[in-house]
């Protein structure tokens, strides 16, 4: 029987869920507080430059393919996808290491740096692929309703991978600190330090070295536009500039509607893809599953200070994706996760889509996206933003051996306060809740409310976890639960 369903937010998870629910014959309406769809994945267009405001890495292309295939489509029906070659470069103090677009090339790079490491790398990636196959085929498409979801013949054999951690496993095989940093980098997408991330999650290394790094022409926002178009093709209605201020619950503890722009609207089912903590504040206190103390104890993925910079010239000695690991990796991690503070000497990431995609900057120009990972909930002032912009620009110039500050046409920034105001993000986190051992699968906040009937959640703070592909999966999981219980 068709249900009237309201979805709060229009990020990857919400658009995914909306398409599945509409495909099943439901009347689905999305309400987005901002003036464009996309949630944390939005676009900045200024003076002929185009920037992705949020996610900028396209990994795990099979997840996108599987999503569109569920509707008889392919990504290529909506956007053009290119595999980056090289995938990215990592800049250390004394050298830059270029990561190629295939494992054979990467093994050669590793062998040059540490004799014998190519053999270990092959074994490491073979294991990572096994974990990837188990994760994608057996685990991540399960809704986290029971710990038994984790028990399969394959996972039983992998129990050690949930007890050990990525950092320990990497260091068993590799001794060169640069190679260690490169192998530990991918799990940062999961929101925790390699030392607090179960070994099983090394499947991210297979996503990196095995499946490669891709770029949708025009930027990651093209994926949002594709998902928006697909949702509309399924019959989904989307309202922007429509902030939901209340989730309405009747005296039988059943969700009955929402309040939007001071108007009360009736629905059979409510699904929130907004920040989970914020979503629960839309409920009466008695209907919230999780206390403030619960949220306070959880490990959240970092926030970020991001700069969007237009340069009036082409830059040199850079690739599309660049990791500046020319400072102490562990010290910066400590300042994010253990002793929350503005980092003394931050690592940072720089992205120039115009290197490979001329549509994102005017002729002869470059668009720069610079990101510093930060602890959530830090003080955020214009003075601090400017201080750190100057820090990273100085290092960028030194490491790439060029002057850029005299060639800046404009810069915009986005930081903790913006994550809070634009996305109602808890403590201004950028990537949701980290995937630590005690925040995995059924140990994450529930997709289905335990206190309010017909209320569901989706996105980075629930199952399966942070990142764009997991968010797309989260939407499917939430839709499947709604179909199961409604």
Protein backbone atom coordinates (compact mmCIF):
# COMPACT_ATOMS: atom_id res chain seq x y z
CA UNK A 1 0.00 0.00 0.00
CA UNK A 2 1.36 3.41 -0.97
CA UNK A 3 2.53 5.63 1.88
CA UNK A 4 2.94 9.38 2.06
CA UNK A 5 6.57 9.91 3.09
CA UNK A 6 8.46 13.06 4.08
CA UNK A 7 12.26 13.10 3.88
CA UNK A 8 14.25 15.74 5.77
CA UNK A 9 17.36 16.86 3.90
CA UNK A 10 18.60 16.23 0.37
CA UNK A 11 22.10 14.79 0.71
CA UNK A 12 23.33 11.55 -0.86
CA UNK A 13 21.49 9.38 1.68
CA UNK A 14 18.19 11.24 1.36
CA UNK A 15 18.23 11.26 -2.44
CA UNK A 16 19.10 7.57 -2.45
CA UNK A 17 16.27 6.66 -0.06
CA UNK A 18 13.80 8.87 -1.92
CA UNK A 19 14.42 7.11 -5.22
CA UNK A 20 14.02 3.64 -3.71
CA UNK A 21 10.86 4.60 -1.83
CA UNK A 22 9.28 6.27 -4.86
CA UNK A 23 10.22 3.31 -7.04
CA UNK A 24 8.22 1.13 -4.62
CA UNK A 25 5.13 3.24 -5.31
CA UNK A 26 5.18 5.67 -2.39
CA UNK A 27 4.38 9.39 -2.51
CA UNK A 28 7.74 10.92 -1.51
CA UNK A 29 8.55 14.56 -0.76
CA UNK A 30 11.97 15.94 0.22
CA UNK A 31 12.34 19.10 2.33
CA UNK A 32 15.74 20.83 2.15
CA UNK A 33 16.59 23.83 4.37
CA UNK A 34 19.11 25.35 1.92
CA UNK A 35 18.38 26.80 -1.50
CA UNK A 36 19.97 23.93 -3.43
CA UNK A 37 19.90 20.15 -3.05
CA UNK A 38 22.90 18.13 -1.92
CA UNK A 39 23.20 18.53 1.83
CA UNK A 40 26.93 18.73 2.56
CA UNK A 41 27.66 18.22 -1.13
CA UNK A 42 27.01 21.60 -2.67
CA UNK A 43 28.66 23.75 -5.31
CA UNK A 44 30.26 27.19 -5.30
CA UNK A 45 30.35 29.03 -8.64
CA UNK A 46 32.19 32.36 -8.70
CA UNK A 47 33.82 34.42 -11.45
CA UNK A 48 33.88 31.46 -13.84
CA UNK A 49 35.34 29.07 -11.23
CA UNK A 50 33.50 25.99 -9.96
CA UNK A 51 34.20 24.32 -6.62
CA UNK A 52 32.72 21.38 -4.77
CA UNK A 53 31.92 22.79 -1.32
CA UNK A 54 31.97 19.34 0.28
CA UNK A 55 33.09 15.86 -0.87
CA UNK A 56 35.82 15.90 -3.52
CA UNK A 57 36.96 12.24 -3.79
CA UNK A 58 35.16 9.72 -6.00
CA UNK A 59 36.11 6.28 -4.70
CA UNK A 60 34.37 2.88 -4.84
CA UNK A 61 32.79 3.36 -8.29
CA UNK A 62 31.07 -0.02 -7.97
CA UNK A 63 28.75 1.41 -5.29
CA UNK A 64 27.58 4.17 -7.61
CA UNK A 65 27.13 1.64 -10.43
CA UNK A 66 25.07 -0.63 -8.19
CA UNK A 67 22.85 2.26 -7.11
CA UNK A 68 22.02 3.40 -10.62
CA UNK A 69 21.65 -0.21 -11.82
CA UNK A 70 18.82 -0.69 -9.31
CA UNK A 71 16.87 1.73 -11.52
CA UNK A 72 18.01 0.30 -14.83
CA UNK A 73 20.54 3.09 -15.28
CA UNK A 74 24.29 3.67 -15.35
CA UNK A 75 26.35 6.60 -14.07
CA UNK A 76 27.21 7.38 -17.70
CA UNK A 77 23.51 8.12 -18.32
CA UNK A 78 23.97 11.19 -16.14
CA UNK A 79 27.64 12.21 -15.93
CA UNK A 80 31.02 11.61 -17.52
CA UNK A 81 33.54 9.80 -15.35
CA UNK A 82 37.33 9.80 -15.80
CA UNK A 83 39.90 7.71 -13.95
CA UNK A 84 42.66 9.95 -12.64
CA UNK A 85 46.21 9.14 -13.67
CA UNK A 86 48.03 9.59 -11.41
CA UNK A 87 45.49 9.10 -8.63
CA UNK A 88 47.14 11.62 -6.32
CA UNK A 89 50.49 12.77 -5.00
CA UNK A 90 51.78 12.86 -1.41
CA UNK A 91 54.19 15.66 -0.59
CA UNK A 92 56.64 15.01 2.24
CA UNK A 93 59.37 17.39 3.44
CA UNK A 94 62.06 16.04 1.16
CA UNK A 95 60.21 14.39 -1.72
CA UNK A 96 56.87 13.88 -3.44
CA UNK A 97 55.51 10.37 -3.99
CA UNK A 98 53.14 9.97 -6.90
CA UNK A 99 50.49 7.27 -6.56
CA UNK A 100 49.75 5.74 -9.95
CA UNK A 101 46.44 4.55 -11.34
CA UNK A 102 47.13 0.80 -11.04
CA UNK A 103 48.63 -1.58 -8.50
CA UNK A 104 51.55 -2.61 -10.69
CA UNK A 105 52.78 0.98 -10.92
CA UNK A 106 52.22 1.56 -7.20
CA UNK A 107 54.20 -1.60 -6.35
CA UNK A 108 57.09 -0.23 -8.38
CA UNK A 109 56.92 3.02 -6.40
CA UNK A 110 56.93 1.17 -3.09
CA UNK A 111 59.84 -1.06 -4.14
CA UNK A 112 61.91 1.97 -5.07
CA UNK A 113 61.38 3.45 -1.61
CA UNK A 114 61.65 0.27 0.49
CA UNK A 115 63.28 -2.82 -1.00
CA UNK A 116 61.02 -5.88 -0.73
CA UNK A 117 57.92 -3.84 0.07
CA UNK A 118 56.21 -4.61 -3.25
CA UNK A 119 55.73 -8.23 -2.16
CA UNK A 120 54.25 -7.14 1.15
CA UNK A 121 52.05 -4.63 -0.65
CA UNK A 122 50.61 -7.30 -2.91
CA UNK A 123 49.76 -9.46 0.12
CA UNK A 124 48.31 -6.46 1.94
CA UNK A 125 46.08 -5.48 -0.98
CA UNK A 126 45.03 -9.10 -1.57
CA UNK A 127 43.83 -9.18 2.04
CA UNK A 128 42.22 -5.78 1.65
CA UNK A 129 40.34 -7.05 -1.42
CA UNK A 130 39.06 -10.05 0.55
CA UNK A 131 37.79 -7.66 3.21
CA UNK A 132 36.29 -5.40 0.56
CA UNK A 133 34.38 -8.30 -0.98
CA UNK A 134 33.09 -9.36 2.43
CA UNK A 135 32.18 -5.82 3.41
CA UNK A 136 30.40 -4.90 0.19
CA UNK A 137 28.73 -8.25 -0.47
CA UNK A 138 28.00 -9.39 3.08
CA UNK A 139 28.01 -6.54 5.58
CA UNK A 140 27.45 -2.94 4.51
CA UNK A 141 24.06 -3.65 2.97
CA UNK A 142 22.76 -4.91 6.32
CA UNK A 143 20.75 -2.49 8.47
CA UNK A 144 22.45 -2.88 11.84
CA UNK A 145 19.41 -4.33 13.59
CA UNK A 146 21.31 -7.20 15.20
CA UNK A 147 24.90 -8.19 16.03
CA UNK A 148 24.18 -11.46 14.21
CA UNK A 149 24.37 -9.54 10.94
CA UNK A 150 28.13 -9.53 11.42
CA UNK A 151 28.33 -13.30 11.81
CA UNK A 152 28.96 -15.04 8.49
CA UNK A 153 31.31 -17.90 7.57
CA UNK A 154 33.61 -15.27 6.08
CA UNK A 155 33.65 -12.90 9.05
CA UNK A 156 34.18 -15.72 11.56
CA UNK A 157 37.49 -16.37 9.82
CA UNK A 158 38.30 -12.67 10.10
CA UNK A 159 37.76 -12.17 13.84
CA UNK A 160 41.36 -11.06 14.28
CA UNK A 161 40.73 -8.22 11.85
CA UNK A 162 38.22 -6.73 14.28
CA UNK A 163 40.57 -7.02 17.26
CA UNK A 164 43.70 -5.61 15.65
CA UNK A 165 43.89 -2.17 14.04
CA UNK A 166 45.04 -0.74 10.72
CA UNK A 167 48.09 0.99 12.16
CA UNK A 168 49.40 -2.17 13.82
CA UNK A 169 48.92 -4.25 10.67
CA UNK A 170 50.63 -1.72 8.42
CA UNK A 171 53.64 -1.54 10.72
CA UNK A 172 54.01 -5.33 10.74
CA UNK A 173 54.82 -5.22 7.03
CA UNK A 174 56.34 -1.82 6.34
CA UNK A 175 59.04 0.19 8.07
CA UNK A 176 59.40 3.28 5.88
CA UNK A 177 57.39 6.07 7.56
CA UNK A 178 56.32 7.55 4.23
CA UNK A 179 54.85 4.27 3.01
CA UNK A 180 53.16 3.81 6.38
CA UNK A 181 51.53 7.24 6.07
CA UNK A 182 50.32 6.47 2.55
CA UNK A 183 48.79 3.16 3.65
CA UNK A 184 47.16 4.70 6.72
CA UNK A 185 45.70 7.64 4.83
CA UNK A 186 42.59 5.96 3.29
CA UNK A 187 41.02 5.00 6.62
CA UNK A 188 40.93 8.68 7.58
CA UNK A 189 37.83 8.77 5.36
CA UNK A 190 36.21 6.64 8.08
CA UNK A 191 36.71 9.38 10.62
CA UNK A 192 39.18 7.91 13.11
CA UNK A 193 42.92 7.41 13.54
CA UNK A 194 44.43 4.26 11.99
CA UNK A 195 45.22 3.11 15.54
CA UNK A 196 41.52 3.19 16.44
CA UNK A 197 40.22 1.69 13.20
CA UNK A 198 39.77 -2.12 13.08
CA UNK A 199 42.06 -3.93 10.66
CA UNK A 200 39.05 -5.12 8.70
CA UNK A 201 38.66 -1.60 7.38
CA UNK A 202 41.85 -1.93 5.39
CA UNK A 203 39.40 -2.63 2.57
CA UNK A 204 39.73 1.12 2.01
CA UNK A 205 43.25 0.41 0.73
CA UNK A 206 41.73 -1.78 -1.96
CA UNK A 207 39.31 1.01 -2.80
CA UNK A 208 42.38 3.22 -3.21
CA UNK A 209 44.98 1.04 -4.95
CA UNK A 210 42.64 -1.54 -6.47
CA UNK A 211 39.66 0.45 -7.75
CA UNK A 212 41.37 3.79 -8.26
CA UNK A 213 40.43 7.44 -7.95
CA UNK A 214 37.89 8.94 -10.34
CA UNK A 215 36.51 12.35 -11.27
CA UNK A 216 33.03 13.23 -12.54
CA UNK A 217 33.43 15.95 -15.15
CA UNK A 218 32.21 19.18 -13.60
CA UNK A 219 32.88 17.94 -10.06
CA UNK A 220 31.25 15.77 -7.42
CA UNK A 221 28.13 17.91 -7.48
CA UNK A 222 27.33 16.32 -10.84
CA UNK A 223 26.56 13.14 -8.88
CA UNK A 224 24.07 15.05 -6.73
CA UNK A 225 22.44 16.48 -9.86
CA UNK A 226 22.27 12.96 -11.30
CA UNK A 227 20.63 11.60 -8.16
CA UNK A 228 18.22 14.54 -8.07
CA UNK A 229 17.23 13.85 -11.67
CA UNK A 230 16.81 10.13 -10.97
CA UNK A 231 14.66 10.88 -7.92
CA UNK A 232 12.42 13.16 -9.97
CA UNK A 233 12.19 10.48 -12.65
CA UNK A 234 10.81 8.19 -9.96
CA UNK A 235 8.23 10.82 -9.02
CA UNK A 236 9.89 12.44 -6.00
CA UNK A 237 8.91 16.04 -5.17
CA UNK A 238 11.70 18.28 -3.82
CA UNK A 239 11.25 21.53 -1.91
CA UNK A 240 14.27 23.75 -1.16
CA UNK A 241 14.31 26.68 1.29
CA UNK A 242 12.14 24.46 3.47
CA UNK A 243 13.57 24.02 6.94
CA UNK A 244 11.83 21.40 9.04
CA UNK A 245 11.44 22.77 12.57
CA UNK A 246 9.45 19.96 14.21
CA UNK A 247 8.70 16.28 13.79
CA UNK A 248 5.10 15.87 14.94
CA UNK A 249 4.26 12.89 17.16
CA UNK A 250 0.77 11.86 18.33
CA UNK A 251 -0.21 10.60 21.77
CA UNK A 252 0.47 7.02 20.65
CA UNK A 253 4.12 7.88 19.99
CA UNK A 254 3.65 7.68 16.24
CA UNK A 255 5.14 10.15 13.77
CA UNK A 256 2.30 11.99 12.11
CA UNK A 257 3.96 14.81 10.20
CA UNK A 258 6.38 17.71 10.18
CA UNK A 259 6.35 21.45 10.64
CA UNK A 260 7.93 23.36 7.73
CA UNK A 261 8.09 27.13 7.45
CA UNK A 262 5.43 27.41 10.19
CA UNK A 263 3.09 25.03 8.35
CA UNK A 264 2.06 21.65 9.76
CA UNK A 265 2.01 18.86 7.16
CA UNK A 266 0.67 15.35 7.64
CA UNK A 267 2.60 12.24 6.54
CA UNK A 268 2.47 8.50 7.18
CA UNK A 269 6.25 8.13 7.56
CA UNK A 270 9.11 10.50 8.34
CA UNK A 271 12.70 9.80 7.29
CA UNK A 272 15.41 12.22 8.37
CA UNK A 273 18.64 12.45 6.41
CA UNK A 274 19.66 15.53 8.38
CA UNK A 275 22.26 15.36 11.13
CA UNK A 276 20.99 12.65 13.52
CA UNK A 277 21.54 14.65 16.71
CA UNK A 278 19.73 17.65 15.19
CA UNK A 279 16.92 15.42 13.92
CA UNK A 280 16.21 14.21 17.43
CA UNK A 281 16.04 17.79 18.72
CA UNK A 282 13.04 18.21 16.41
CA UNK A 283 11.20 15.72 18.63
CA UNK A 284 9.67 16.19 22.08
CA UNK A 285 12.23 15.26 24.75
CA UNK A 286 10.43 12.07 25.73
CA UNK A 287 10.61 10.75 22.15
CA UNK A 288 14.37 11.08 21.74
CA UNK A 289 16.38 7.84 21.78
CA UNK A 290 19.74 9.32 22.74
CA UNK A 291 20.67 11.72 25.52
CA UNK A 292 23.13 14.58 25.24
CA UNK A 293 25.50 12.48 27.35
CA UNK A 294 25.31 9.72 24.72
CA UNK A 295 26.36 12.08 21.92
CA UNK A 296 29.05 13.66 24.05
CA UNK A 297 30.76 10.30 24.58
CA UNK A 298 30.83 9.34 20.91
CA UNK A 299 33.87 9.66 18.65
CA UNK A 300 33.08 12.04 15.84
CA UNK A 301 34.90 12.39 12.58
CA UNK A 302 36.85 15.63 12.21
CA UNK A 303 35.56 19.00 11.20
CA UNK A 304 37.46 20.96 8.56
CA UNK A 305 38.70 24.38 7.63
CA UNK A 306 38.27 24.63 3.86
CA UNK A 307 39.35 27.37 1.47
CA UNK A 308 38.11 27.82 -2.09
CA UNK A 309 40.65 29.89 -4.02
CA UNK A 310 40.67 31.27 -7.54
CA UNK A 311 44.18 31.69 -9.03
CA UNK A 312 44.85 33.84 -12.09
CA UNK A 313 47.51 31.47 -13.48
CA UNK A 314 48.17 27.78 -14.00
CA UNK A 315 50.09 26.20 -11.13
CA UNK A 316 53.00 23.77 -11.34
CA UNK A 317 54.30 20.75 -9.43
CA UNK A 318 50.80 19.65 -8.40
CA UNK A 319 48.26 17.00 -9.38
CA UNK A 320 44.46 16.89 -9.20
CA UNK A 321 44.62 15.56 -5.59
CA UNK A 322 47.55 16.45 -3.30
CA UNK A 323 48.24 15.40 0.30
CA UNK A 324 50.66 17.63 2.18
CA UNK A 325 52.22 15.25 4.71
CA UNK A 326 55.28 17.42 5.25
CA UNK A 327 54.62 17.71 9.00
CA UNK A 328 54.05 15.27 11.87
CA UNK A 329 51.07 13.05 10.99
CA UNK A 330 50.70 11.61 14.51
CA UNK A 331 50.93 15.00 16.22
CA UNK A 332 48.17 16.45 14.07
CA UNK A 333 46.02 13.33 14.70
CA UNK A 334 46.57 13.78 18.44
CA UNK A 335 45.37 17.38 18.16
CA UNK A 336 42.19 16.17 16.45
CA UNK A 337 41.27 13.09 18.47
CA UNK A 338 43.05 13.17 21.83
CA UNK A 339 43.69 16.79 22.83
CA UNK A 340 41.27 18.88 20.81
CA UNK A 341 42.94 22.10 19.69
CA UNK A 342 43.88 24.05 16.61
CA UNK A 343 46.88 22.16 15.17
CA UNK A 344 50.29 23.69 15.64
CA UNK A 345 51.59 22.50 12.28
CA UNK A 346 48.71 21.02 10.27
CA UNK A 347 48.68 18.49 7.49
CA UNK A 348 46.42 19.59 4.67
CA UNK A 349 44.88 18.44 1.42
CA UNK A 350 44.76 20.44 -1.81
CA UNK A 351 42.57 19.69 -4.78
CA UNK A 352 42.72 21.33 -8.22
CA UNK A 353 40.00 19.90 -10.44
CA UNK A 354 41.04 22.32 -13.17
CA UNK A 355 44.22 20.25 -13.64
CA UNK A 356 42.15 17.55 -15.33
CA UNK A 357 38.81 19.29 -15.93
CA UNK A 358 39.05 22.60 -17.78
CA UNK A 359 35.34 23.27 -17.23
CA UNK A 360 35.99 24.16 -13.58
CA UNK A 361 38.17 27.27 -14.10
CA UNK A 362 38.61 30.00 -16.74
CA UNK A 363 41.36 29.58 -19.35
CA UNK A 364 44.80 30.07 -17.86
CA UNK A 365 43.49 29.84 -14.29
CA UNK A 366 43.37 27.25 -11.53
CA UNK A 367 40.77 26.49 -8.86
CA UNK A 368 42.15 25.47 -5.48
CA UNK A 369 40.35 23.59 -2.71
CA UNK A 370 42.44 23.48 0.49
CA UNK A 371 41.31 21.46 3.52
CA UNK A 372 42.74 21.24 7.04
CA UNK A 373 41.15 18.51 9.21
CA UNK A 374 40.25 19.81 12.67
CA UNK A 375 38.78 18.59 15.93
CA UNK A 376 35.02 19.28 16.07
CA UNK A 377 33.62 22.20 18.09
CA UNK A 378 36.75 24.36 18.07
CA UNK A 379 36.56 28.13 18.32
CA UNK A 380 36.11 29.49 14.80
CA UNK A 381 36.93 33.12 14.06
CA UNK A 382 37.91 35.10 10.94
CA UNK A 383 41.31 35.72 12.54
CA UNK A 384 41.98 32.01 13.02
CA UNK A 385 40.90 31.24 9.46
CA UNK A 386 43.27 33.88 8.09
CA UNK A 387 46.12 32.67 10.29
CA UNK A 388 45.82 29.12 8.98
CA UNK A 389 45.37 30.22 5.40
CA UNK A 390 48.70 32.01 5.62
CA UNK A 391 50.33 28.96 7.24
CA UNK A 392 49.32 26.56 4.50
CA UNK A 393 49.95 29.02 1.65
CA UNK A 394 53.50 29.52 2.84
CA UNK A 395 54.10 25.77 2.96
CA UNK A 396 52.35 25.27 -0.37
CA UNK A 397 54.66 27.78 -2.01
CA UNK A 398 57.76 26.24 -0.42
CA UNK A 399 56.88 22.66 -1.36
CA UNK A 400 55.74 23.42 -4.92
CA UNK A 401 58.44 26.07 -5.52
CA UNK A 402 56.24 28.82 -6.85
CA UNK A 403 54.61 32.07 -5.81
CA UNK A 404 50.83 31.84 -5.57
CA UNK A 405 49.74 34.44 -3.01
CA UNK A 406 50.24 37.25 -5.52
CA UNK A 407 47.99 35.41 -7.97
CA UNK A 408 44.90 34.98 -5.79
CA UNK A 409 41.78 36.48 -7.36
CA UNK A 410 39.54 35.60 -4.42
CA UNK A 411 39.12 33.15 -1.58
CA UNK A 412 36.12 31.85 0.34
CA UNK A 413 36.22 29.74 3.50
CA UNK A 414 34.06 27.19 5.30
CA UNK A 415 34.68 25.98 8.85
CA UNK A 416 33.13 24.77 12.11
CA UNK A 417 30.57 27.55 12.42
CA UNK A 418 29.43 26.99 8.84
CA UNK A 419 28.97 23.24 9.34
CA UNK A 420 26.75 24.09 12.29
CA UNK A 421 24.71 26.82 10.61
CA UNK A 422 24.44 25.32 7.13
CA UNK A 423 23.94 21.65 8.04
CA UNK A 424 22.92 21.66 11.74
CA UNK A 425 26.01 19.53 12.19
CA UNK A 426 26.71 18.28 15.72
CA UNK A 427 29.77 20.16 16.98
CA UNK A 428 30.41 21.19 13.40
CA UNK A 429 31.63 17.74 12.36
CA UNK A 430 32.30 17.35 8.65
CA UNK A 431 32.05 13.57 8.17
CA UNK A 432 29.63 12.24 10.76
CA UNK A 433 30.45 9.63 13.38
CA UNK A 434 33.72 7.69 13.15
CA UNK A 435 33.79 3.96 12.37
CA UNK A 436 35.62 2.73 15.46
CA UNK A 437 35.13 -0.82 16.74
CA UNK A 438 32.46 0.31 19.23
CA UNK A 439 30.72 2.45 16.61
CA UNK A 440 30.32 -0.17 13.89
CA UNK A 441 27.14 -1.70 12.45
CA UNK A 442 24.53 -2.36 15.19
CA UNK A 443 26.52 -0.17 17.62
CA UNK A 444 25.75 2.96 15.61
CA UNK A 445 22.59 5.07 16.08
CA UNK A 446 19.60 3.18 14.71
CA UNK A 447 18.09 3.57 11.27
CA UNK A 448 14.67 2.96 12.84
CA UNK A 449 13.55 4.88 15.90
CA UNK A 450 12.92 2.72 18.95
CA UNK A 451 10.66 5.33 20.53
CA UNK A 452 8.57 6.70 17.67
CA UNK A 453 6.72 4.49 15.23
CA UNK A 454 7.14 5.35 11.54
CA UNK A 455 10.23 7.47 12.17
CA UNK A 456 13.51 6.57 10.47
CA UNK A 457 16.99 8.03 10.01
CA UNK A 458 19.67 7.82 7.35
CA UNK A 459 23.09 9.32 6.64
CA UNK A 460 26.63 9.49 7.98
CA UNK A 461 25.77 9.22 11.68
CA UNK A 462 23.90 5.96 11.28
CA UNK A 463 24.53 2.69 9.39
CA UNK A 464 26.89 1.96 7.67
CA UNK A 465 29.03 5.06 8.32
CA UNK A 466 30.80 8.14 6.95
CA UNK A 467 31.62 8.84 3.32
CA UNK A 468 29.72 9.25 0.07
CA UNK A 469 29.33 5.56 -0.93
CA UNK A 470 28.22 4.55 2.60
CA UNK A 471 25.69 7.40 2.58
CA UNK A 472 24.20 6.13 -0.68
CA UNK A 473 23.99 2.67 0.89
CA UNK A 474 22.45 4.14 4.04
CA UNK A 475 19.61 5.52 1.95
CA UNK A 476 18.88 2.09 0.52
CA UNK A 477 18.99 0.49 3.96
CA UNK A 478 16.55 3.00 5.40
CA UNK A 479 14.22 2.56 2.43
CA UNK A 480 14.34 -1.22 2.83
CA UNK A 481 13.43 -0.95 6.52
CA UNK A 482 10.52 1.33 5.74
CA UNK A 483 9.25 -1.16 3.17
CA UNK A 484 9.75 -3.99 5.69
CA UNK A 485 7.90 -2.42 8.59
CA UNK A 486 5.25 -0.28 6.89
